[in-house]
Amino acid sequence: MRDDQHGGKYQQVEQQARDQAEHNLNRHVQESPGSLQGIRTLTAVYLEQDRVEDALQFVERASRDYTGEPADMAELRGRLLLVAGDSEAGIDALRDAAASSPGSQGLQELLAVALLRGGETEEGLDSLRAAGGGEASAQQVDTTAGAVPVADSTLLELLDRMLIIPPIDVPTMIGPAYWTVGGWFA
C-alpha cells in the first residue's frame, strides 16, 4: 500500500514538473519569438508526451510571431506532420521550406528523403540532384516496391535517420535527444 502511495506521489510531482516546464517554455517563446531553440524544446516536450497534435498547434501559433527565417518553421512543421503520419502535408511544408531557402542543401536532402519515402521517386531524385547528391537514378533508389530487399534496408535506415528532428538540447534530465517516427533516442 505504501509503495502505491509513493508511486502516485512521484507521478504527481513528475506531472507538476512537466507542467511547469511547459509553462516556462511557452513564456520564453512569447518573450523571445525568434528563439528557434525554445520552440524546438517545447515541441520536443510535447512529442515526448505523445502530444503530436499539441505540438502541431503550438508550432502553428509560434510561426505567426517567429522572427527568424521562414524556412525554420516550415521545416519543423514538415517534420511534425511526417511524425503525425500526414505525409502529403509534411512534404508540402518541406517544399515550402526548401523554396524559401533554395541554397540549403540540408533542406533539399530532407525533402528528397520525404519524397522518396512517400513513393514520389522522380521528384525525390530531382531534389537529391538539386542538393548536389550527384547523379541518382530510379534503379539506385527504388522506394516504390512493396517489399524492401535486405540489401536495400540500409538505404531505408539512412532515409529514416534524415527525417529525425534536429538535436534538441532539453535543459532537463533528458539531455541531448532526437525525435524520430519511432520515438526518442539519444
N, C-alpha and C. Protein backbone atom coordinates (compact mmCIF):
# COMPACT_ATOMS: atom_id res chain seq x y z
N MET A 1 0.81 -1.18 0.00
CA MET A 1 0.00 0.00 0.00
C MET A 1 0.87 1.26 0.00
N ARG A 2 1.89 1.25 0.80
CA ARG A 2 2.76 2.42 0.89
C ARG A 2 3.49 2.66 -0.43
N ASP A 3 3.89 1.57 -1.13
CA ASP A 3 4.57 1.74 -2.41
C ASP A 3 3.66 2.43 -3.42
N ASP A 4 2.36 2.06 -3.41
CA ASP A 4 1.41 2.71 -4.31
C ASP A 4 1.28 4.20 -4.00
N GLN A 5 1.28 4.53 -2.71
CA GLN A 5 1.18 5.93 -2.33
C GLN A 5 2.39 6.71 -2.80
N HIS A 6 3.57 6.10 -2.67
CA HIS A 6 4.79 6.78 -3.11
C HIS A 6 4.82 6.90 -4.62
N GLY A 7 4.40 5.84 -5.30
CA GLY A 7 4.37 5.86 -6.76
C GLY A 7 3.44 6.94 -7.28
N GLY A 8 2.26 7.05 -6.66
CA GLY A 8 1.31 8.08 -7.05
C GLY A 8 1.83 9.47 -6.78
N LYS A 9 2.49 9.64 -5.65
CA LYS A 9 3.07 10.93 -5.29
C LYS A 9 4.17 11.31 -6.28
N TYR A 10 4.99 10.32 -6.65
CA TYR A 10 6.08 10.55 -7.61
C TYR A 10 5.50 10.98 -8.96
N GLN A 11 4.45 10.30 -9.41
CA GLN A 11 3.82 10.66 -10.69
C GLN A 11 3.23 12.07 -10.63
N GLN A 12 2.67 12.42 -9.49
CA GLN A 12 2.09 13.75 -9.33
C GLN A 12 3.19 14.82 -9.41
N VAL A 13 4.29 14.58 -8.73
CA VAL A 13 5.41 15.53 -8.76
C VAL A 13 6.00 15.62 -10.17
N GLU A 14 6.12 14.48 -10.81
CA GLU A 14 6.64 14.45 -12.18
C GLU A 14 5.74 15.25 -13.12
N GLN A 15 4.43 15.10 -13.00
CA GLN A 15 3.49 15.84 -13.84
C GLN A 15 3.58 17.34 -13.55
N GLN A 16 3.71 17.72 -12.29
CA GLN A 16 3.85 19.13 -11.94
C GLN A 16 5.11 19.71 -12.57
N ALA A 17 6.19 18.95 -12.57
CA ALA A 17 7.44 19.41 -13.17
C ALA A 17 7.26 19.60 -14.68
N ARG A 18 6.58 18.66 -15.35
CA ARG A 18 6.33 18.78 -16.78
C ARG A 18 5.46 20.01 -17.07
N ASP A 19 4.42 20.21 -16.26
CA ASP A 19 3.54 21.36 -16.46
C ASP A 19 4.31 22.67 -16.28
N GLN A 20 5.18 22.72 -15.27
CA GLN A 20 5.97 23.92 -15.03
C GLN A 20 6.93 24.18 -16.18
N ALA A 21 7.58 23.13 -16.68
CA ALA A 21 8.50 23.27 -17.82
C ALA A 21 7.75 23.78 -19.04
N GLU A 22 6.58 23.22 -19.29
CA GLU A 22 5.77 23.66 -20.44
C GLU A 22 5.40 25.13 -20.29
N HIS A 23 4.96 25.53 -19.09
CA HIS A 23 4.60 26.92 -18.84
C HIS A 23 5.79 27.86 -19.09
N ASN A 24 6.95 27.49 -18.53
CA ASN A 24 8.14 28.33 -18.68
C ASN A 24 8.59 28.43 -20.14
N LEU A 25 8.52 27.32 -20.86
CA LEU A 25 8.92 27.35 -22.26
C LEU A 25 7.94 28.18 -23.09
N ASN A 26 6.65 28.06 -22.81
CA ASN A 26 5.67 28.89 -23.51
C ASN A 26 5.95 30.38 -23.27
N ARG A 27 6.23 30.71 -22.03
CA ARG A 27 6.54 32.09 -21.67
C ARG A 27 7.81 32.57 -22.40
N HIS A 28 8.82 31.72 -22.43
CA HIS A 28 10.07 32.07 -23.11
C HIS A 28 9.82 32.35 -24.59
N VAL A 29 9.04 31.49 -25.24
CA VAL A 29 8.77 31.67 -26.66
C VAL A 29 7.97 32.94 -26.90
N GLN A 30 7.04 33.26 -26.01
CA GLN A 30 6.28 34.50 -26.15
C GLN A 30 7.16 35.73 -26.00
N GLU A 31 8.11 35.66 -25.06
CA GLU A 31 9.00 36.80 -24.82
C GLU A 31 10.12 36.89 -25.86
N SER A 32 10.48 35.76 -26.46
CA SER A 32 11.55 35.71 -27.45
C SER A 32 11.07 34.95 -28.68
N PRO A 33 10.22 35.58 -29.52
CA PRO A 33 9.62 34.86 -30.64
C PRO A 33 10.62 34.38 -31.70
N GLY A 34 11.85 34.83 -31.60
CA GLY A 34 12.87 34.38 -32.53
C GLY A 34 13.68 33.20 -32.00
N SER A 35 13.30 32.65 -30.87
CA SER A 35 14.06 31.57 -30.25
C SER A 35 13.67 30.21 -30.83
N LEU A 36 14.36 29.83 -31.88
CA LEU A 36 14.10 28.53 -32.50
C LEU A 36 14.39 27.41 -31.51
N GLN A 37 15.42 27.58 -30.69
CA GLN A 37 15.74 26.55 -29.68
C GLN A 37 14.59 26.39 -28.69
N GLY A 38 13.99 27.49 -28.26
CA GLY A 38 12.85 27.41 -27.36
C GLY A 38 11.66 26.71 -28.01
N ILE A 39 11.41 27.03 -29.26
CA ILE A 39 10.31 26.41 -29.99
C ILE A 39 10.57 24.92 -30.16
N ARG A 40 11.78 24.56 -30.54
CA ARG A 40 12.11 23.14 -30.69
C ARG A 40 12.03 22.39 -29.37
N THR A 41 12.45 23.03 -28.30
CA THR A 41 12.44 22.37 -27.00
C THR A 41 11.01 22.10 -26.54
N LEU A 42 10.13 23.09 -26.66
CA LEU A 42 8.74 22.85 -26.26
C LEU A 42 8.09 21.82 -27.17
N THR A 43 8.42 21.85 -28.45
CA THR A 43 7.93 20.83 -29.38
C THR A 43 8.38 19.45 -28.92
N ALA A 44 9.63 19.35 -28.49
CA ALA A 44 10.16 18.07 -28.01
C ALA A 44 9.43 17.60 -26.76
N VAL A 45 9.08 18.54 -25.89
CA VAL A 45 8.33 18.18 -24.68
C VAL A 45 6.98 17.59 -25.07
N TYR A 46 6.30 18.23 -26.01
CA TYR A 46 5.01 17.70 -26.46
C TYR A 46 5.17 16.31 -27.08
N LEU A 47 6.18 16.15 -27.91
CA LEU A 47 6.39 14.86 -28.56
C LEU A 47 6.73 13.77 -27.55
N GLU A 48 7.51 14.12 -26.55
CA GLU A 48 7.87 13.15 -25.52
C GLU A 48 6.63 12.63 -24.82
N GLN A 49 5.61 13.47 -24.72
CA GLN A 49 4.36 13.10 -24.06
C GLN A 49 3.33 12.56 -25.04
N ASP A 50 3.77 12.26 -26.27
CA ASP A 50 2.88 11.77 -27.34
C ASP A 50 1.74 12.74 -27.62
N ARG A 51 2.04 14.02 -27.55
CA ARG A 51 1.05 15.07 -27.81
C ARG A 51 1.38 15.73 -29.15
N VAL A 52 1.33 14.93 -30.21
CA VAL A 52 1.70 15.41 -31.54
C VAL A 52 0.78 16.54 -31.98
N GLU A 53 -0.51 16.40 -31.74
CA GLU A 53 -1.46 17.44 -32.14
C GLU A 53 -1.17 18.75 -31.41
N ASP A 54 -0.86 18.68 -30.12
CA ASP A 54 -0.49 19.88 -29.37
C ASP A 54 0.78 20.51 -29.94
N ALA A 55 1.73 19.67 -30.33
CA ALA A 55 2.97 20.17 -30.92
C ALA A 55 2.68 20.90 -32.23
N LEU A 56 1.82 20.32 -33.05
CA LEU A 56 1.47 20.97 -34.32
C LEU A 56 0.76 22.30 -34.09
N GLN A 57 -0.18 22.34 -33.14
CA GLN A 57 -0.88 23.59 -32.84
C GLN A 57 0.09 24.64 -32.30
N PHE A 58 1.00 24.22 -31.45
CA PHE A 58 1.99 25.15 -30.90
C PHE A 58 2.86 25.73 -32.01
N VAL A 59 3.34 24.87 -32.91
CA VAL A 59 4.21 25.35 -34.00
C VAL A 59 3.45 26.31 -34.90
N GLU A 60 2.16 26.03 -35.16
CA GLU A 60 1.35 26.95 -35.96
C GLU A 60 1.26 28.32 -35.27
N ARG A 61 0.99 28.32 -33.96
CA ARG A 61 0.91 29.58 -33.21
C ARG A 61 2.26 30.30 -33.21
N ALA A 62 3.32 29.55 -32.92
CA ALA A 62 4.65 30.15 -32.82
C ALA A 62 5.10 30.71 -34.17
N SER A 63 4.65 30.09 -35.25
CA SER A 63 5.03 30.54 -36.60
C SER A 63 4.56 31.95 -36.89
N ARG A 64 3.43 32.32 -36.34
CA ARG A 64 2.87 33.66 -36.62
C ARG A 64 3.77 34.78 -36.12
N ASP A 65 4.44 34.56 -34.99
CA ASP A 65 5.27 35.60 -34.38
C ASP A 65 6.76 35.36 -34.57
N TYR A 66 7.13 34.25 -35.19
CA TYR A 66 8.55 33.89 -35.31
C TYR A 66 9.28 34.93 -36.14
N THR A 67 10.40 35.41 -35.62
CA THR A 67 11.15 36.48 -36.28
C THR A 67 12.35 35.96 -37.07
N GLY A 68 12.57 34.67 -37.05
CA GLY A 68 13.70 34.09 -37.78
C GLY A 68 13.33 33.79 -39.23
N GLU A 69 14.10 32.91 -39.83
CA GLU A 69 13.88 32.52 -41.22
C GLU A 69 12.60 31.70 -41.34
N PRO A 70 11.74 32.01 -42.32
CA PRO A 70 10.51 31.24 -42.51
C PRO A 70 10.78 29.74 -42.75
N ALA A 71 11.91 29.44 -43.34
CA ALA A 71 12.25 28.04 -43.62
C ALA A 71 12.37 27.23 -42.34
N ASP A 72 12.80 27.86 -41.25
CA ASP A 72 12.95 27.15 -39.97
C ASP A 72 11.63 26.54 -39.52
N MET A 73 10.59 27.36 -39.54
CA MET A 73 9.28 26.90 -39.05
C MET A 73 8.64 25.95 -40.05
N ALA A 74 8.82 26.21 -41.35
CA ALA A 74 8.26 25.30 -42.35
C ALA A 74 8.90 23.92 -42.23
N GLU A 75 10.21 23.89 -41.98
CA GLU A 75 10.90 22.61 -41.79
C GLU A 75 10.37 21.88 -40.55
N LEU A 76 10.24 22.58 -39.44
CA LEU A 76 9.76 21.96 -38.21
C LEU A 76 8.33 21.46 -38.40
N ARG A 77 7.50 22.27 -39.04
CA ARG A 77 6.12 21.86 -39.31
C ARG A 77 6.10 20.61 -40.20
N GLY A 78 6.94 20.60 -41.22
CA GLY A 78 7.02 19.43 -42.11
C GLY A 78 7.43 18.17 -41.38
N ARG A 79 8.43 18.29 -40.54
CA ARG A 79 8.88 17.12 -39.76
C ARG A 79 7.77 16.62 -38.83
N LEU A 80 7.07 17.56 -38.18
CA LEU A 80 5.98 17.17 -37.28
C LEU A 80 4.85 16.49 -38.04
N LEU A 81 4.50 17.02 -39.17
CA LEU A 81 3.44 16.41 -39.97
C LEU A 81 3.82 15.00 -40.41
N LEU A 82 5.09 14.81 -40.74
CA LEU A 82 5.55 13.46 -41.10
C LEU A 82 5.46 12.53 -39.89
N VAL A 83 5.85 13.02 -38.72
CA VAL A 83 5.74 12.23 -37.49
C VAL A 83 4.27 11.89 -37.23
N ALA A 84 3.38 12.84 -37.51
CA ALA A 84 1.95 12.63 -37.28
C ALA A 84 1.33 11.69 -38.31
N GLY A 85 2.09 11.36 -39.34
CA GLY A 85 1.58 10.44 -40.36
C GLY A 85 0.92 11.12 -41.54
N ASP A 86 1.00 12.45 -41.62
CA ASP A 86 0.41 13.19 -42.73
C ASP A 86 1.51 13.49 -43.75
N SER A 87 1.83 12.48 -44.53
CA SER A 87 2.94 12.56 -45.48
C SER A 87 2.75 13.69 -46.49
N GLU A 88 1.56 13.81 -47.03
CA GLU A 88 1.31 14.81 -48.07
C GLU A 88 1.52 16.23 -47.54
N ALA A 89 0.94 16.54 -46.39
CA ALA A 89 1.09 17.87 -45.80
C ALA A 89 2.54 18.09 -45.35
N GLY A 90 3.19 17.05 -44.83
CA GLY A 90 4.59 17.16 -44.43
C GLY A 90 5.48 17.49 -45.60
N ILE A 91 5.26 16.81 -46.71
CA ILE A 91 6.04 17.07 -47.92
C ILE A 91 5.78 18.49 -48.41
N ASP A 92 4.52 18.92 -48.39
CA ASP A 92 4.21 20.29 -48.82
C ASP A 92 4.94 21.32 -47.96
N ALA A 93 4.97 21.10 -46.65
CA ALA A 93 5.67 22.02 -45.75
C ALA A 93 7.16 22.02 -46.04
N LEU A 94 7.73 20.84 -46.30
CA LEU A 94 9.16 20.77 -46.62
C LEU A 94 9.45 21.42 -47.98
N ARG A 95 8.51 21.32 -48.91
CA ARG A 95 8.66 22.03 -50.19
C ARG A 95 8.73 23.54 -49.94
N ASP A 96 7.82 24.03 -49.06
CA ASP A 96 7.82 25.45 -48.71
C ASP A 96 9.16 25.85 -48.09
N ALA A 97 9.66 25.00 -47.19
CA ALA A 97 10.94 25.29 -46.53
C ALA A 97 12.07 25.37 -47.55
N ALA A 98 12.12 24.38 -48.44
CA ALA A 98 13.18 24.34 -49.46
C ALA A 98 13.06 25.53 -50.41
N ALA A 99 11.83 25.91 -50.75
CA ALA A 99 11.61 27.04 -51.66
C ALA A 99 12.02 28.36 -51.01
N SER A 100 11.81 28.49 -49.71
CA SER A 100 12.16 29.75 -49.05
C SER A 100 13.64 29.83 -48.69
N SER A 101 14.34 28.71 -48.86
CA SER A 101 15.78 28.70 -48.63
C SER A 101 16.44 27.82 -49.69
N PRO A 102 16.41 28.30 -50.96
CA PRO A 102 16.84 27.46 -52.09
C PRO A 102 18.29 27.00 -52.03
N GLY A 103 19.14 27.69 -51.32
CA GLY A 103 20.54 27.29 -51.24
C GLY A 103 20.83 26.25 -50.17
N SER A 104 19.82 25.82 -49.44
CA SER A 104 20.03 24.90 -48.32
C SER A 104 20.08 23.45 -48.80
N GLN A 105 21.29 22.90 -48.79
CA GLN A 105 21.46 21.51 -49.18
C GLN A 105 20.71 20.58 -48.22
N GLY A 106 20.75 20.90 -46.94
CA GLY A 106 20.09 20.07 -45.94
C GLY A 106 18.59 19.98 -46.16
N LEU A 107 17.95 21.11 -46.49
CA LEU A 107 16.51 21.10 -46.74
C LEU A 107 16.18 20.32 -48.01
N GLN A 108 17.01 20.48 -49.03
CA GLN A 108 16.79 19.71 -50.27
C GLN A 108 16.91 18.21 -50.01
N GLU A 109 17.90 17.83 -49.19
CA GLU A 109 18.07 16.41 -48.86
C GLU A 109 16.90 15.90 -48.03
N LEU A 110 16.45 16.69 -47.08
CA LEU A 110 15.32 16.30 -46.25
C LEU A 110 14.06 16.13 -47.10
N LEU A 111 13.82 17.08 -48.01
CA LEU A 111 12.69 16.98 -48.92
C LEU A 111 12.82 15.72 -49.78
N ALA A 112 14.01 15.47 -50.27
CA ALA A 112 14.23 14.27 -51.10
C ALA A 112 13.89 13.00 -50.34
N VAL A 113 14.31 12.92 -49.10
CA VAL A 113 14.03 11.74 -48.28
C VAL A 113 12.53 11.57 -48.09
N ALA A 114 11.85 12.67 -47.76
CA ALA A 114 10.40 12.58 -47.55
C ALA A 114 9.69 12.16 -48.83
N LEU A 115 10.12 12.70 -49.95
CA LEU A 115 9.52 12.34 -51.23
C LEU A 115 9.77 10.86 -51.56
N LEU A 116 11.00 10.43 -51.37
CA LEU A 116 11.33 9.03 -51.66
C LEU A 116 10.55 8.08 -50.76
N ARG A 117 10.47 8.42 -49.47
CA ARG A 117 9.69 7.58 -48.55
C ARG A 117 8.21 7.60 -48.89
N GLY A 118 7.75 8.70 -49.47
CA GLY A 118 6.35 8.83 -49.86
C GLY A 118 6.04 8.23 -51.21
N GLY A 119 7.05 7.64 -51.87
CA GLY A 119 6.84 6.99 -53.16
C GLY A 119 6.96 7.91 -54.36
N GLU A 120 7.34 9.15 -54.15
CA GLU A 120 7.49 10.10 -55.25
C GLU A 120 8.94 10.08 -55.73
N THR A 121 9.28 8.98 -56.41
CA THR A 121 10.67 8.70 -56.73
C THR A 121 11.32 9.74 -57.62
N GLU A 122 10.68 10.09 -58.72
CA GLU A 122 11.31 11.04 -59.66
C GLU A 122 11.53 12.41 -59.02
N GLU A 123 10.52 12.92 -58.34
CA GLU A 123 10.69 14.22 -57.69
C GLU A 123 11.73 14.14 -56.57
N GLY A 124 11.75 13.03 -55.85
CA GLY A 124 12.76 12.83 -54.81
C GLY A 124 14.17 12.82 -55.39
N LEU A 125 14.32 12.14 -56.52
CA LEU A 125 15.63 12.11 -57.18
C LEU A 125 16.02 13.49 -57.68
N ASP A 126 15.04 14.24 -58.20
CA ASP A 126 15.33 15.61 -58.64
C ASP A 126 15.80 16.46 -57.47
N SER A 127 15.17 16.27 -56.32
CA SER A 127 15.56 17.02 -55.13
C SER A 127 16.96 16.61 -54.67
N LEU A 128 17.27 15.33 -54.77
CA LEU A 128 18.64 14.88 -54.44
C LEU A 128 19.65 15.52 -55.37
N ARG A 129 19.32 15.55 -56.64
CA ARG A 129 20.23 16.19 -57.61
C ARG A 129 20.42 17.67 -57.27
N ALA A 130 19.31 18.34 -56.92
CA ALA A 130 19.38 19.76 -56.57
C ALA A 130 20.25 19.98 -55.33
N ALA A 131 20.26 18.99 -54.46
CA ALA A 131 21.06 19.10 -53.23
C ALA A 131 22.53 18.83 -53.50
N GLY A 132 22.86 18.45 -54.72
CA GLY A 132 24.24 18.17 -55.06
C GLY A 132 24.64 16.74 -54.75
N GLY A 133 23.64 15.87 -54.67
CA GLY A 133 23.90 14.47 -54.36
C GLY A 133 24.40 13.67 -55.53
N GLY A 134 24.73 14.32 -56.64
CA GLY A 134 25.26 13.59 -57.79
C GLY A 134 24.14 13.00 -58.62
N GLU A 135 24.53 12.14 -59.55
CA GLU A 135 23.57 11.50 -60.42
C GLU A 135 22.90 10.35 -59.69
N ALA A 136 21.61 10.43 -59.58
CA ALA A 136 20.84 9.36 -58.95
C ALA A 136 19.83 8.87 -59.97
N SER A 137 19.60 7.59 -59.98
CA SER A 137 18.64 7.02 -60.91
C SER A 137 17.58 6.24 -60.15
N ALA A 138 16.48 5.99 -60.82
CA ALA A 138 15.40 5.23 -60.19
C ALA A 138 15.87 3.82 -59.85
N GLN A 139 16.83 3.29 -60.58
CA GLN A 139 17.34 1.95 -60.27
C GLN A 139 18.14 1.96 -58.97
N GLN A 140 18.83 3.07 -58.68
CA GLN A 140 19.62 3.15 -57.46
C GLN A 140 18.73 3.32 -56.24
N VAL A 141 17.64 4.05 -56.39
CA VAL A 141 16.76 4.34 -55.26
C VAL A 141 15.34 3.97 -55.67
N ASP A 142 14.96 2.71 -55.48
CA ASP A 142 13.61 2.28 -55.82
C ASP A 142 12.83 2.08 -54.54
N THR A 143 12.01 3.09 -54.21
CA THR A 143 11.22 3.00 -52.98
C THR A 143 9.78 2.67 -53.28
N THR A 144 9.48 2.38 -54.56
CA THR A 144 8.09 2.12 -54.90
C THR A 144 7.71 0.67 -54.68
N ALA A 145 8.69 -0.22 -54.55
CA ALA A 145 8.39 -1.63 -54.35
C ALA A 145 7.77 -1.84 -52.97
N GLY A 146 6.83 -2.75 -52.90
CA GLY A 146 6.16 -3.03 -51.63
C GLY A 146 7.12 -3.64 -50.61
N ALA A 147 7.89 -4.63 -51.01
CA ALA A 147 8.84 -5.28 -50.11
C ALA A 147 10.23 -4.73 -50.38
N VAL A 148 10.97 -4.50 -49.34
CA VAL A 148 12.31 -3.96 -49.48
C VAL A 148 13.31 -5.09 -49.30
N PRO A 149 14.14 -5.37 -50.34
CA PRO A 149 15.15 -6.40 -50.19
C PRO A 149 16.10 -6.05 -49.05
N VAL A 150 16.70 -7.06 -48.45
CA VAL A 150 17.60 -6.84 -47.32
C VAL A 150 18.72 -5.89 -47.68
N ALA A 151 19.27 -5.99 -48.89
CA ALA A 151 20.37 -5.11 -49.30
C ALA A 151 19.93 -3.65 -49.32
N ASP A 152 18.66 -3.41 -49.61
CA ASP A 152 18.17 -2.04 -49.67
C ASP A 152 17.72 -1.50 -48.31
N SER A 153 17.67 -2.38 -47.31
CA SER A 153 17.20 -1.91 -46.00
C SER A 153 18.14 -0.88 -45.41
N THR A 154 19.43 -0.94 -45.73
CA THR A 154 20.38 0.05 -45.26
C THR A 154 20.02 1.43 -45.79
N LEU A 155 19.63 1.49 -47.04
CA LEU A 155 19.22 2.76 -47.63
C LEU A 155 18.02 3.32 -46.89
N LEU A 156 17.04 2.48 -46.61
CA LEU A 156 15.85 2.96 -45.91
C LEU A 156 16.18 3.41 -44.50
N GLU A 157 17.11 2.74 -43.83
CA GLU A 157 17.54 3.18 -42.50
C GLU A 157 18.18 4.56 -42.58
N LEU A 158 19.00 4.78 -43.60
CA LEU A 158 19.62 6.09 -43.77
C LEU A 158 18.56 7.16 -44.05
N LEU A 159 17.57 6.80 -44.86
CA LEU A 159 16.49 7.75 -45.15
C LEU A 159 15.74 8.09 -43.88
N ASP A 160 15.45 7.08 -43.06
CA ASP A 160 14.75 7.33 -41.80
C ASP A 160 15.54 8.26 -40.89
N ARG A 161 16.86 8.09 -40.84
CA ARG A 161 17.68 8.95 -39.98
C ARG A 161 17.61 10.40 -40.41
N MET A 162 17.44 10.64 -41.71
CA MET A 162 17.38 12.02 -42.20
C MET A 162 16.08 12.70 -41.81
N LEU A 163 15.05 11.94 -41.45
CA LEU A 163 13.77 12.53 -41.07
C LEU A 163 13.71 12.90 -39.60
N ILE A 164 14.80 12.69 -38.90
CA ILE A 164 14.86 13.00 -37.47
C ILE A 164 14.83 14.50 -37.26
N ILE A 165 14.08 14.94 -36.27
CA ILE A 165 14.10 16.35 -35.91
C ILE A 165 15.49 16.64 -35.36
N PRO A 166 16.08 17.78 -35.73
CA PRO A 166 17.46 18.08 -35.30
C PRO A 166 17.62 17.97 -33.79
N PRO A 167 18.86 17.79 -33.35
CA PRO A 167 19.10 17.67 -31.91
C PRO A 167 18.47 18.81 -31.13
N ILE A 168 17.86 18.45 -30.03
CA ILE A 168 17.23 19.43 -29.17
C ILE A 168 17.87 19.30 -27.80
N ASP A 169 18.47 20.37 -27.34
CA ASP A 169 19.10 20.34 -26.03
C ASP A 169 18.04 20.65 -24.98
N VAL A 170 17.43 19.62 -24.45
CA VAL A 170 16.39 19.80 -23.46
C VAL A 170 17.07 20.04 -22.12
N PRO A 171 16.80 21.19 -21.50
CA PRO A 171 17.52 21.55 -20.26
C PRO A 171 16.96 20.82 -19.04
N THR A 172 16.87 19.52 -19.14
CA THR A 172 16.42 18.69 -18.02
C THR A 172 17.26 17.43 -18.02
N MET A 173 16.77 16.42 -17.35
CA MET A 173 17.49 15.15 -17.28
C MET A 173 17.56 14.44 -18.62
N ILE A 174 16.73 14.86 -19.56
CA ILE A 174 16.69 14.18 -20.85
C ILE A 174 18.02 14.35 -21.57
N GLY A 175 18.61 15.53 -21.51
CA GLY A 175 19.86 15.81 -22.20
C GLY A 175 19.62 15.91 -23.70
N PRO A 176 20.68 15.90 -24.50
CA PRO A 176 20.51 15.97 -25.95
C PRO A 176 19.71 14.75 -26.41
N ALA A 177 18.68 15.00 -27.18
CA ALA A 177 17.83 13.91 -27.63
C ALA A 177 17.34 14.19 -29.04
N TYR A 178 16.89 13.17 -29.70
CA TYR A 178 16.39 13.27 -31.05
C TYR A 178 15.01 12.62 -31.10
N TRP A 179 14.12 13.17 -31.91
CA TRP A 179 12.81 12.57 -32.09
C TRP A 179 12.73 12.05 -33.51
N THR A 180 12.27 10.84 -33.68
CA THR A 180 12.06 10.26 -34.98
C THR A 180 10.70 9.59 -34.98
N VAL A 181 10.29 9.07 -36.10
CA VAL A 181 8.98 8.43 -36.20
C VAL A 181 8.85 7.35 -35.14
N GLY A 182 9.94 6.68 -34.79
CA GLY A 182 9.90 5.60 -33.82
C GLY A 182 9.96 6.06 -32.36
N GLY A 183 10.25 7.32 -32.11
CA GLY A 183 10.33 7.82 -30.74
C GLY A 183 11.65 8.50 -30.47
N TRP A 184 11.97 8.67 -29.21
CA TRP A 184 13.18 9.35 -28.78
C TRP A 184 14.38 8.41 -28.79
N PHE A 185 15.54 8.95 -29.10
CA PHE A 185 16.78 8.24 -28.85
C PHE A 185 17.87 9.26 -28.59
N ALA A 186 18.88 8.83 -27.87
CA ALA A 186 19.95 9.77 -27.54
C ALA A 186 21.23 9.38 -28.26
